[in-house]
């Protein structure tokens, strides 16, 4: 049976198709869809904070929650960045450039590959976000909000986000390398 924090995490995953649909059908004549997408995204951000808070507060941390929470975050954020990079009709100053998307996807792909390598090698896969990862997630969410609000300084926010994305990627690579190097070989 799913506990409440895990149900909230699943809700975040279920919000993604509605969010993406609003962005796919967005055009300047249907500008209201940008605000609907923003509302859905803000609700998803709230669920991200709420599920973690409830799991800690009510001592309902589960292995399932430790796995699906970061997956839900990645699904939401990557879907948002892909949609915003491909959306038509946004002003140039708030149009997410492809290179930003490449940095984000590259970092997450490297982390995923490293996690698989650690798991396959029999290492202790410790899925705990660190300070840099939390700051990166916050800046990624802030970037998406600034783009949906068409803020003229979105470029500054996404530039800062890219720097922290790179730093957190390097931190995760370093941490993963240490885990791989300290892992005992798996007997088969």
N, C-alpha and C. Protein backbone atom coordinates (compact mmCIF):
# COMPACT_ATOMS: atom_id res chain seq x y z
N UNK A 1 0.85 -1.19 0.00
CA UNK A 1 0.00 0.00 0.00
C UNK A 1 0.89 1.25 0.00
N UNK A 2 0.51 2.19 -0.80
CA UNK A 2 1.28 3.43 -0.90
C UNK A 2 0.97 4.36 0.27
N UNK A 3 2.02 4.97 0.80
CA UNK A 3 1.78 5.97 1.83
C UNK A 3 1.49 7.32 1.17
N UNK A 4 1.09 8.29 1.96
CA UNK A 4 0.71 9.60 1.43
C UNK A 4 1.84 10.31 0.68
N UNK A 5 3.07 10.35 1.22
CA UNK A 5 4.15 11.00 0.46
C UNK A 5 4.37 10.38 -0.93
N UNK A 6 4.28 9.05 -1.03
CA UNK A 6 4.46 8.39 -2.32
C UNK A 6 3.30 8.69 -3.26
N UNK A 7 2.09 8.80 -2.72
CA UNK A 7 0.94 9.17 -3.55
C UNK A 7 1.11 10.58 -4.11
N UNK A 8 1.64 11.47 -3.29
CA UNK A 8 1.88 12.85 -3.73
C UNK A 8 2.96 12.87 -4.83
N UNK A 9 3.98 12.04 -4.69
CA UNK A 9 5.01 11.94 -5.71
C UNK A 9 4.42 11.44 -7.02
N UNK A 10 3.56 10.44 -6.94
CA UNK A 10 2.91 9.91 -8.14
C UNK A 10 2.02 10.98 -8.77
N UNK A 11 1.37 11.79 -7.96
CA UNK A 11 0.58 12.91 -8.49
C UNK A 11 1.47 13.83 -9.32
N UNK A 12 2.69 14.10 -8.84
CA UNK A 12 3.61 14.95 -9.59
C UNK A 12 3.90 14.36 -10.97
N UNK A 13 4.09 13.06 -11.02
CA UNK A 13 4.33 12.39 -12.31
C UNK A 13 3.10 12.52 -13.20
N UNK A 14 1.92 12.36 -12.61
CA UNK A 14 0.68 12.44 -13.40
C UNK A 14 0.39 13.85 -13.91
N UNK A 15 0.95 14.87 -13.27
CA UNK A 15 0.76 16.24 -13.72
C UNK A 15 1.56 16.56 -14.99
N UNK A 16 2.62 15.81 -15.23
CA UNK A 16 3.53 16.10 -16.34
C UNK A 16 2.82 16.11 -17.70
N UNK A 17 2.00 15.10 -18.05
CA UNK A 17 1.36 15.16 -19.37
C UNK A 17 0.46 16.38 -19.56
N UNK A 18 -0.20 16.82 -18.50
CA UNK A 18 -1.05 18.00 -18.60
C UNK A 18 -0.22 19.26 -18.82
N UNK A 19 0.90 19.33 -18.11
CA UNK A 19 1.82 20.45 -18.25
C UNK A 19 2.38 20.50 -19.67
N UNK A 20 2.87 19.38 -20.15
CA UNK A 20 3.45 19.32 -21.50
C UNK A 20 2.40 19.63 -22.56
N UNK A 21 1.20 19.12 -22.38
CA UNK A 21 0.13 19.38 -23.35
C UNK A 21 -0.14 20.87 -23.48
N UNK A 22 -0.16 21.58 -22.36
CA UNK A 22 -0.36 23.03 -22.41
C UNK A 22 0.74 23.71 -23.22
N UNK A 23 1.97 23.26 -23.05
CA UNK A 23 3.08 23.88 -23.78
C UNK A 23 3.09 23.49 -25.25
N UNK A 24 2.70 22.26 -25.54
CA UNK A 24 2.67 21.81 -26.94
C UNK A 24 1.63 22.60 -27.73
N UNK A 25 0.51 22.88 -27.11
CA UNK A 25 -0.56 23.61 -27.80
C UNK A 25 -0.48 25.12 -27.63
N UNK A 26 0.54 25.58 -26.92
CA UNK A 26 0.71 27.02 -26.73
C UNK A 26 1.02 27.71 -28.05
N UNK A 27 0.45 28.87 -28.20
CA UNK A 27 0.83 29.83 -29.24
C UNK A 27 0.42 31.20 -28.73
N UNK A 28 0.96 32.27 -29.30
CA UNK A 28 0.64 33.60 -28.76
C UNK A 28 -0.86 33.92 -28.71
N UNK A 29 -1.65 33.31 -29.60
CA UNK A 29 -3.10 33.54 -29.57
C UNK A 29 -3.77 32.78 -28.42
N UNK A 30 -3.12 31.73 -27.94
CA UNK A 30 -3.64 30.95 -26.80
C UNK A 30 -2.70 31.14 -25.62
N UNK A 31 -2.42 32.38 -25.30
CA UNK A 31 -1.45 32.70 -24.24
C UNK A 31 -1.88 32.18 -22.87
N UNK A 32 -3.18 31.98 -22.70
CA UNK A 32 -3.67 31.47 -21.42
C UNK A 32 -3.05 30.10 -21.09
N UNK A 33 -2.67 29.33 -22.13
CA UNK A 33 -2.08 28.01 -21.90
C UNK A 33 -0.74 28.11 -21.16
N UNK A 34 -0.04 29.21 -21.36
CA UNK A 34 1.22 29.43 -20.64
C UNK A 34 0.95 29.55 -19.14
N UNK A 35 -0.14 30.22 -18.79
CA UNK A 35 -0.49 30.39 -17.38
C UNK A 35 -1.06 29.10 -16.78
N UNK A 36 -1.76 28.33 -17.59
CA UNK A 36 -2.23 27.03 -17.11
C UNK A 36 -1.02 26.13 -16.85
N UNK A 37 -0.06 26.13 -17.79
CA UNK A 37 1.17 25.35 -17.63
C UNK A 37 1.92 25.81 -16.38
N UNK A 38 2.00 27.11 -16.17
CA UNK A 38 2.67 27.65 -14.99
C UNK A 38 1.98 27.17 -13.72
N UNK A 39 0.66 27.20 -13.69
CA UNK A 39 -0.09 26.75 -12.52
C UNK A 39 0.16 25.27 -12.24
N UNK A 40 0.16 24.47 -13.29
CA UNK A 40 0.42 23.03 -13.13
C UNK A 40 1.84 22.82 -12.62
N UNK A 41 2.79 23.57 -13.18
CA UNK A 41 4.18 23.43 -12.76
C UNK A 41 4.34 23.83 -11.30
N UNK A 42 3.71 24.93 -10.90
CA UNK A 42 3.80 25.37 -9.50
C UNK A 42 3.19 24.33 -8.56
N UNK A 43 2.08 23.72 -8.97
CA UNK A 43 1.48 22.65 -8.17
C UNK A 43 2.45 21.48 -8.05
N UNK A 44 3.13 21.14 -9.13
CA UNK A 44 4.11 20.06 -9.10
C UNK A 44 5.27 20.40 -8.18
N UNK A 45 5.73 21.65 -8.21
CA UNK A 45 6.81 22.09 -7.32
C UNK A 45 6.37 21.98 -5.86
N UNK A 46 5.14 22.36 -5.58
CA UNK A 46 4.62 22.25 -4.22
C UNK A 46 4.58 20.79 -3.79
N UNK A 47 4.16 19.89 -4.69
CA UNK A 47 4.12 18.47 -4.33
C UNK A 47 5.53 17.95 -4.05
N UNK A 48 6.52 18.50 -4.74
CA UNK A 48 7.91 18.08 -4.51
C UNK A 48 8.33 18.43 -3.08
N UNK A 49 8.00 19.61 -2.65
CA UNK A 49 8.34 20.02 -1.29
C UNK A 49 7.50 19.26 -0.26
N UNK A 50 6.23 19.08 -0.57
CA UNK A 50 5.29 18.46 0.37
C UNK A 50 5.59 16.99 0.62
N UNK A 51 5.88 16.24 -0.44
CA UNK A 51 6.10 14.80 -0.23
C UNK A 51 7.34 14.55 0.64
N UNK A 52 8.40 15.31 0.41
CA UNK A 52 9.60 15.15 1.23
C UNK A 52 9.36 15.57 2.68
N UNK A 53 8.66 16.67 2.85
CA UNK A 53 8.35 17.15 4.20
C UNK A 53 7.52 16.11 4.96
N UNK A 54 6.47 15.62 4.32
CA UNK A 54 5.60 14.64 4.99
C UNK A 54 6.34 13.34 5.29
N UNK A 55 7.18 12.90 4.37
CA UNK A 55 7.93 11.66 4.61
C UNK A 55 8.84 11.79 5.82
N UNK A 56 9.49 12.94 5.95
CA UNK A 56 10.39 13.15 7.10
C UNK A 56 9.58 13.38 8.38
N UNK A 57 8.58 14.22 8.29
CA UNK A 57 7.80 14.63 9.47
C UNK A 57 7.03 13.46 10.08
N UNK A 58 6.46 12.60 9.22
CA UNK A 58 5.64 11.50 9.72
C UNK A 58 6.40 10.17 9.73
N UNK A 59 7.72 10.27 9.50
CA UNK A 59 8.59 9.09 9.48
C UNK A 59 8.06 8.02 8.52
N UNK A 60 7.71 8.47 7.30
CA UNK A 60 7.20 7.55 6.28
C UNK A 60 8.14 7.45 5.09
N UNK A 61 9.44 7.54 5.36
CA UNK A 61 10.43 7.36 4.29
C UNK A 61 10.41 5.90 3.86
N UNK A 62 10.38 5.69 2.54
CA UNK A 62 10.39 4.32 2.01
C UNK A 62 11.42 4.21 0.90
N UNK A 63 11.81 2.97 0.60
CA UNK A 63 12.72 2.75 -0.53
C UNK A 63 12.06 3.21 -1.82
N UNK A 64 10.76 2.93 -1.95
CA UNK A 64 10.04 3.36 -3.14
C UNK A 64 10.11 4.88 -3.28
N UNK A 65 9.87 5.58 -2.19
CA UNK A 65 9.92 7.04 -2.21
C UNK A 65 11.30 7.56 -2.57
N UNK A 66 12.34 6.89 -2.07
CA UNK A 66 13.71 7.32 -2.37
C UNK A 66 14.04 7.14 -3.85
N UNK A 67 13.34 6.22 -4.51
CA UNK A 67 13.58 5.99 -5.93
C UNK A 67 12.67 6.87 -6.80
N UNK A 68 11.36 6.90 -6.48
CA UNK A 68 10.45 7.61 -7.38
C UNK A 68 10.49 9.12 -7.23
N UNK A 69 10.90 9.63 -6.07
CA UNK A 69 10.96 11.08 -5.91
C UNK A 69 11.96 11.73 -6.88
N UNK A 70 13.20 11.26 -6.94
CA UNK A 70 14.10 11.88 -7.91
C UNK A 70 13.69 11.60 -9.36
N UNK A 71 13.07 10.44 -9.60
CA UNK A 71 12.59 10.14 -10.95
C UNK A 71 11.47 11.12 -11.33
N UNK A 72 10.57 11.37 -10.39
CA UNK A 72 9.49 12.33 -10.65
C UNK A 72 10.05 13.72 -10.95
N UNK A 73 11.07 14.12 -10.20
CA UNK A 73 11.72 15.41 -10.45
C UNK A 73 12.31 15.46 -11.85
N UNK A 74 13.02 14.40 -12.23
CA UNK A 74 13.66 14.37 -13.55
C UNK A 74 12.63 14.39 -14.66
N UNK A 75 11.56 13.61 -14.50
CA UNK A 75 10.50 13.59 -15.52
C UNK A 75 9.91 14.98 -15.69
N UNK A 76 9.60 15.63 -14.58
CA UNK A 76 9.02 16.96 -14.62
C UNK A 76 9.98 17.97 -15.26
N UNK A 77 11.20 18.01 -14.76
CA UNK A 77 12.15 19.03 -15.22
C UNK A 77 12.58 18.80 -16.66
N UNK A 78 12.91 17.57 -17.01
CA UNK A 78 13.34 17.32 -18.39
C UNK A 78 12.20 17.55 -19.38
N UNK A 79 10.99 17.15 -19.01
CA UNK A 79 9.83 17.42 -19.87
C UNK A 79 9.62 18.92 -20.06
N UNK A 80 9.78 19.66 -18.97
CA UNK A 80 9.62 21.11 -19.04
C UNK A 80 10.69 21.73 -19.93
N UNK A 81 11.94 21.35 -19.73
CA UNK A 81 13.01 21.94 -20.54
C UNK A 81 12.89 21.56 -22.01
N UNK A 82 12.55 20.31 -22.29
CA UNK A 82 12.37 19.90 -23.68
C UNK A 82 11.22 20.68 -24.33
N UNK A 83 10.12 20.79 -23.61
CA UNK A 83 8.96 21.51 -24.14
C UNK A 83 9.29 22.98 -24.36
N UNK A 84 9.96 23.60 -23.40
CA UNK A 84 10.28 25.02 -23.52
C UNK A 84 11.31 25.29 -24.61
N UNK A 85 12.19 24.33 -24.86
CA UNK A 85 13.18 24.51 -25.92
C UNK A 85 12.52 24.40 -27.30
N UNK A 86 11.45 23.63 -27.38
CA UNK A 86 10.81 23.39 -28.67
C UNK A 86 9.59 24.26 -28.93
N UNK A 87 9.12 24.96 -27.91
CA UNK A 87 7.89 25.75 -28.03
C UNK A 87 8.06 26.87 -29.06
N UNK A 88 7.04 27.10 -29.80
CA UNK A 88 7.04 28.16 -30.81
C UNK A 88 6.36 29.40 -30.26
N UNK A 89 6.80 30.55 -30.70
CA UNK A 89 6.10 31.78 -30.38
C UNK A 89 6.61 32.54 -29.18
N UNK A 90 7.64 32.03 -28.50
CA UNK A 90 8.19 32.77 -27.36
C UNK A 90 9.16 33.83 -27.87
N UNK A 91 9.23 34.96 -27.20
CA UNK A 91 10.21 35.98 -27.58
C UNK A 91 11.64 35.44 -27.47
N UNK A 92 12.53 35.94 -28.31
CA UNK A 92 13.91 35.43 -28.36
C UNK A 92 14.59 35.49 -27.00
N UNK A 93 14.41 36.53 -26.23
CA UNK A 93 15.08 36.69 -24.94
C UNK A 93 14.66 35.67 -23.90
N UNK A 94 13.53 35.01 -24.11
CA UNK A 94 13.07 34.00 -23.16
C UNK A 94 12.95 32.63 -23.83
N UNK A 95 13.48 32.49 -25.00
CA UNK A 95 13.50 31.20 -25.69
C UNK A 95 14.73 30.44 -25.22
N UNK A 96 14.52 29.26 -24.67
CA UNK A 96 15.61 28.47 -24.13
C UNK A 96 16.49 27.95 -25.27
N UNK A 97 17.77 28.31 -25.26
CA UNK A 97 18.65 27.84 -26.33
C UNK A 97 18.97 26.35 -26.19
N UNK A 98 19.25 25.72 -27.31
CA UNK A 98 19.52 24.28 -27.34
C UNK A 98 20.71 23.90 -26.47
N UNK A 99 21.73 24.76 -26.39
CA UNK A 99 22.92 24.40 -25.62
C UNK A 99 22.61 24.23 -24.13
N UNK A 100 21.63 24.98 -23.63
CA UNK A 100 21.23 24.84 -22.23
C UNK A 100 20.61 23.45 -22.02
N UNK A 101 19.77 23.08 -22.94
CA UNK A 101 19.13 21.76 -22.89
C UNK A 101 20.18 20.65 -22.96
N UNK A 102 21.19 20.83 -23.80
CA UNK A 102 22.26 19.84 -23.93
C UNK A 102 23.02 19.67 -22.62
N UNK A 103 23.31 20.77 -21.93
CA UNK A 103 24.02 20.69 -20.64
C UNK A 103 23.19 19.91 -19.63
N UNK A 104 21.90 20.21 -19.55
CA UNK A 104 21.02 19.56 -18.58
C UNK A 104 20.91 18.07 -18.88
N UNK A 105 20.63 17.73 -20.13
CA UNK A 105 20.46 16.32 -20.50
C UNK A 105 21.78 15.56 -20.33
N UNK A 106 22.89 16.19 -20.66
CA UNK A 106 24.19 15.53 -20.52
C UNK A 106 24.48 15.20 -19.06
N UNK A 107 24.26 16.16 -18.18
CA UNK A 107 24.50 15.92 -16.76
C UNK A 107 23.64 14.78 -16.25
N UNK A 108 22.34 14.82 -16.57
CA UNK A 108 21.45 13.79 -16.06
C UNK A 108 21.77 12.42 -16.67
N UNK A 109 22.19 12.39 -17.92
CA UNK A 109 22.58 11.13 -18.56
C UNK A 109 23.83 10.55 -17.89
N UNK A 110 24.79 11.40 -17.60
CA UNK A 110 26.01 10.94 -16.94
C UNK A 110 25.70 10.41 -15.55
N UNK A 111 24.84 11.10 -14.82
CA UNK A 111 24.46 10.64 -13.47
C UNK A 111 23.74 9.30 -13.57
N UNK A 112 22.82 9.17 -14.53
CA UNK A 112 22.09 7.92 -14.71
C UNK A 112 23.05 6.78 -15.06
N UNK A 113 23.94 7.01 -16.01
CA UNK A 113 24.91 5.99 -16.40
C UNK A 113 25.80 5.60 -15.22
N UNK A 114 26.26 6.59 -14.47
CA UNK A 114 27.08 6.31 -13.29
C UNK A 114 26.33 5.50 -12.26
N UNK A 115 25.06 5.81 -12.06
CA UNK A 115 24.25 5.06 -11.10
C UNK A 115 24.10 3.60 -11.53
N UNK A 116 23.88 3.40 -12.82
CA UNK A 116 23.76 2.04 -13.34
C UNK A 116 25.07 1.29 -13.15
N UNK A 117 26.19 1.95 -13.45
CA UNK A 117 27.50 1.31 -13.27
C UNK A 117 27.74 0.93 -11.82
N UNK A 118 27.41 1.82 -10.91
CA UNK A 118 27.59 1.53 -9.48
C UNK A 118 26.71 0.36 -9.07
N UNK A 119 25.46 0.37 -9.51
CA UNK A 119 24.52 -0.71 -9.17
C UNK A 119 25.00 -2.05 -9.73
N UNK A 120 25.38 -2.06 -11.01
CA UNK A 120 25.81 -3.30 -11.67
C UNK A 120 27.09 -3.84 -11.03
N UNK A 121 27.97 -2.95 -10.60
CA UNK A 121 29.22 -3.40 -9.99
C UNK A 121 29.03 -3.86 -8.55
N UNK A 122 27.83 -3.76 -8.06
CA UNK A 122 27.54 -4.22 -6.70
C UNK A 122 27.85 -3.19 -5.64
N UNK A 123 28.07 -1.96 -6.09
CA UNK A 123 28.35 -0.89 -5.13
C UNK A 123 27.11 -0.46 -4.39
N UNK A 124 27.31 0.30 -3.35
CA UNK A 124 26.21 0.82 -2.55
C UNK A 124 25.68 2.08 -3.22
N UNK A 125 24.57 1.94 -3.91
CA UNK A 125 23.97 3.08 -4.60
C UNK A 125 23.17 3.90 -3.60
N UNK A 126 23.75 4.99 -3.17
CA UNK A 126 23.16 5.85 -2.16
C UNK A 126 22.50 7.03 -2.87
N UNK A 127 21.17 7.00 -2.95
CA UNK A 127 20.45 8.04 -3.68
C UNK A 127 20.03 9.14 -2.71
N UNK A 128 20.99 9.99 -2.42
CA UNK A 128 20.71 11.14 -1.55
C UNK A 128 21.19 12.39 -2.26
N UNK A 129 20.29 13.37 -2.38
CA UNK A 129 20.74 14.61 -3.03
C UNK A 129 21.72 15.36 -2.12
N UNK A 130 22.65 16.03 -2.76
CA UNK A 130 23.59 16.83 -1.97
C UNK A 130 23.22 18.31 -2.12
N UNK A 131 23.96 19.15 -1.47
CA UNK A 131 23.70 20.59 -1.50
C UNK A 131 23.68 21.11 -2.93
N UNK A 132 24.67 20.71 -3.73
CA UNK A 132 24.78 21.21 -5.11
C UNK A 132 23.60 20.75 -5.96
N UNK A 133 23.18 19.52 -5.74
CA UNK A 133 22.03 18.99 -6.47
C UNK A 133 20.75 19.72 -6.12
N UNK A 134 20.60 20.04 -4.83
CA UNK A 134 19.39 20.76 -4.40
C UNK A 134 19.35 22.18 -4.97
N UNK A 135 20.50 22.85 -4.95
CA UNK A 135 20.57 24.20 -5.52
C UNK A 135 20.29 24.15 -7.02
N UNK A 136 20.84 23.14 -7.69
CA UNK A 136 20.61 22.98 -9.12
C UNK A 136 19.13 22.77 -9.41
N UNK A 137 18.49 21.88 -8.65
CA UNK A 137 17.06 21.64 -8.85
C UNK A 137 16.26 22.92 -8.63
N UNK A 138 16.59 23.66 -7.58
CA UNK A 138 15.90 24.92 -7.32
C UNK A 138 16.08 25.89 -8.50
N UNK A 139 17.31 26.02 -8.99
CA UNK A 139 17.56 26.94 -10.11
C UNK A 139 16.91 26.45 -11.40
N UNK A 140 16.81 25.14 -11.58
CA UNK A 140 16.11 24.63 -12.76
C UNK A 140 14.63 24.97 -12.67
N UNK A 141 14.05 24.81 -11.50
CA UNK A 141 12.64 25.17 -11.33
C UNK A 141 12.43 26.66 -11.52
N UNK A 142 13.34 27.47 -10.97
CA UNK A 142 13.26 28.92 -11.12
C UNK A 142 13.39 29.33 -12.59
N UNK A 143 14.26 28.65 -13.32
CA UNK A 143 14.43 28.93 -14.75
C UNK A 143 13.12 28.67 -15.50
N UNK A 144 12.50 27.55 -15.22
CA UNK A 144 11.24 27.21 -15.89
C UNK A 144 10.17 28.24 -15.57
N UNK A 145 10.07 28.63 -14.31
CA UNK A 145 9.08 29.64 -13.92
C UNK A 145 9.37 30.96 -14.62
N UNK A 146 10.64 31.37 -14.67
CA UNK A 146 10.97 32.65 -15.31
C UNK A 146 10.66 32.62 -16.80
N UNK A 147 10.87 31.47 -17.44
CA UNK A 147 10.55 31.35 -18.87
C UNK A 147 9.04 31.40 -19.10
N UNK A 148 8.30 30.73 -18.24
CA UNK A 148 6.84 30.75 -18.39
C UNK A 148 6.26 32.13 -18.12
N UNK A 149 6.93 32.90 -17.27
CA UNK A 149 6.48 34.27 -17.00
C UNK A 149 7.04 35.28 -18.01
N UNK A 150 7.87 34.78 -18.94
CA UNK A 150 8.50 35.62 -19.96
C UNK A 150 9.32 36.75 -19.34
N UNK A 151 9.99 36.45 -18.24
CA UNK A 151 10.79 37.47 -17.56
C UNK A 151 11.99 37.84 -18.43
N UNK A 152 12.26 39.13 -18.59
CA UNK A 152 13.34 39.56 -19.47
C UNK A 152 14.73 39.15 -18.98
N UNK A 153 14.87 38.83 -17.70
CA UNK A 153 16.17 38.43 -17.17
C UNK A 153 16.29 36.90 -17.04
N UNK A 154 15.45 36.17 -17.77
CA UNK A 154 15.50 34.71 -17.75
C UNK A 154 16.88 34.20 -18.15
N UNK A 155 17.53 34.89 -19.06
CA UNK A 155 18.86 34.48 -19.53
C UNK A 155 19.86 34.45 -18.36
N UNK A 156 19.76 35.40 -17.47
CA UNK A 156 20.65 35.43 -16.30
C UNK A 156 20.38 34.21 -15.41
N UNK A 157 19.12 33.92 -15.20
CA UNK A 157 18.75 32.78 -14.34
C UNK A 157 19.22 31.47 -14.97
N UNK A 158 18.98 31.29 -16.28
CA UNK A 158 19.40 30.02 -16.87
C UNK A 158 20.92 29.92 -16.97
N UNK A 159 21.61 31.03 -17.09
CA UNK A 159 23.09 30.98 -17.10
C UNK A 159 23.61 30.53 -15.74
N UNK A 160 23.03 31.07 -14.67
CA UNK A 160 23.40 30.65 -13.32
C UNK A 160 23.06 29.18 -13.11
N UNK A 161 21.91 28.78 -13.61
CA UNK A 161 21.47 27.40 -13.49
C UNK A 161 22.44 26.46 -14.20
N UNK A 162 22.93 26.86 -15.38
CA UNK A 162 23.87 26.03 -16.13
C UNK A 162 25.17 25.85 -15.34
N UNK A 163 25.65 26.92 -14.71
CA UNK A 163 26.87 26.84 -13.91
C UNK A 163 26.67 25.82 -12.77
N UNK A 164 25.56 25.92 -12.06
CA UNK A 164 25.31 25.01 -10.95
C UNK A 164 25.03 23.59 -11.45
N UNK A 165 24.42 23.47 -12.61
CA UNK A 165 24.20 22.14 -13.20
C UNK A 165 25.55 21.47 -13.46
N UNK A 166 26.49 22.23 -14.02
CA UNK A 166 27.83 21.69 -14.29
C UNK A 166 28.56 21.33 -12.99
N UNK A 167 28.49 22.23 -12.00
CA UNK A 167 29.15 21.97 -10.72
C UNK A 167 28.57 20.71 -10.07
N UNK A 168 27.24 20.63 -10.02
CA UNK A 168 26.63 19.46 -9.37
C UNK A 168 26.95 18.19 -10.15
N UNK A 169 27.03 18.29 -11.47
CA UNK A 169 27.42 17.13 -12.27
C UNK A 169 28.81 16.65 -11.90
N UNK A 170 29.75 17.59 -11.76
CA UNK A 170 31.12 17.23 -11.37
C UNK A 170 31.16 16.62 -9.97
N UNK A 171 30.36 17.16 -9.07
CA UNK A 171 30.30 16.62 -7.70
C UNK A 171 29.78 15.19 -7.73
N UNK A 172 28.70 14.94 -8.50
CA UNK A 172 28.15 13.59 -8.59
C UNK A 172 29.13 12.63 -9.25
N UNK A 173 29.86 13.10 -10.27
CA UNK A 173 30.86 12.25 -10.93
C UNK A 173 31.96 11.89 -9.93
N UNK A 174 32.43 12.86 -9.16
CA UNK A 174 33.47 12.61 -8.17
C UNK A 174 32.98 11.61 -7.12
N UNK A 175 31.79 11.84 -6.64
CA UNK A 175 31.20 10.95 -5.63
C UNK A 175 31.02 9.53 -6.19
N UNK A 176 30.52 9.45 -7.42
CA UNK A 176 30.32 8.15 -8.06
C UNK A 176 31.63 7.44 -8.31
N UNK A 177 32.67 8.17 -8.71
CA UNK A 177 33.99 7.57 -8.94
C UNK A 177 34.53 6.98 -7.65
N UNK A 178 34.35 7.70 -6.56
CA UNK A 178 34.80 7.17 -5.26
C UNK A 178 34.05 5.90 -4.90
N UNK A 179 32.74 5.90 -5.15
CA UNK A 179 31.94 4.70 -4.86
C UNK A 179 32.40 3.53 -5.72
N UNK A 180 32.64 3.78 -6.99
CA UNK A 180 33.09 2.71 -7.89
C UNK A 180 34.45 2.17 -7.49
N UNK A 181 35.34 3.08 -7.11
CA UNK A 181 36.69 2.66 -6.72
C UNK A 181 36.72 1.94 -5.39
N UNK A 182 35.74 2.21 -4.52
CA UNK A 182 35.73 1.56 -3.22
C UNK A 182 34.88 0.29 -3.22
N UNK A 183 34.17 0.02 -4.29
CA UNK A 183 33.31 -1.15 -4.35
C UNK A 183 34.12 -2.42 -4.44
N UNK A 184 33.68 -3.41 -3.70
CA UNK A 184 34.28 -4.73 -3.78
C UNK A 184 33.72 -5.41 -5.02
N UNK A 185 34.54 -6.20 -5.72
CA UNK A 185 34.01 -6.92 -6.88
C UNK A 185 32.90 -7.87 -6.47
N UNK A 186 31.91 -7.98 -7.34
CA UNK A 186 30.78 -8.86 -7.08
C UNK A 186 31.18 -10.28 -7.48
N UNK A 187 30.97 -11.24 -6.58
CA UNK A 187 31.27 -12.64 -6.89
C UNK A 187 30.10 -13.21 -7.67
N UNK A 188 30.45 -13.88 -8.73
CA UNK A 188 29.40 -14.47 -9.58
C UNK A 188 29.54 -15.96 -9.61
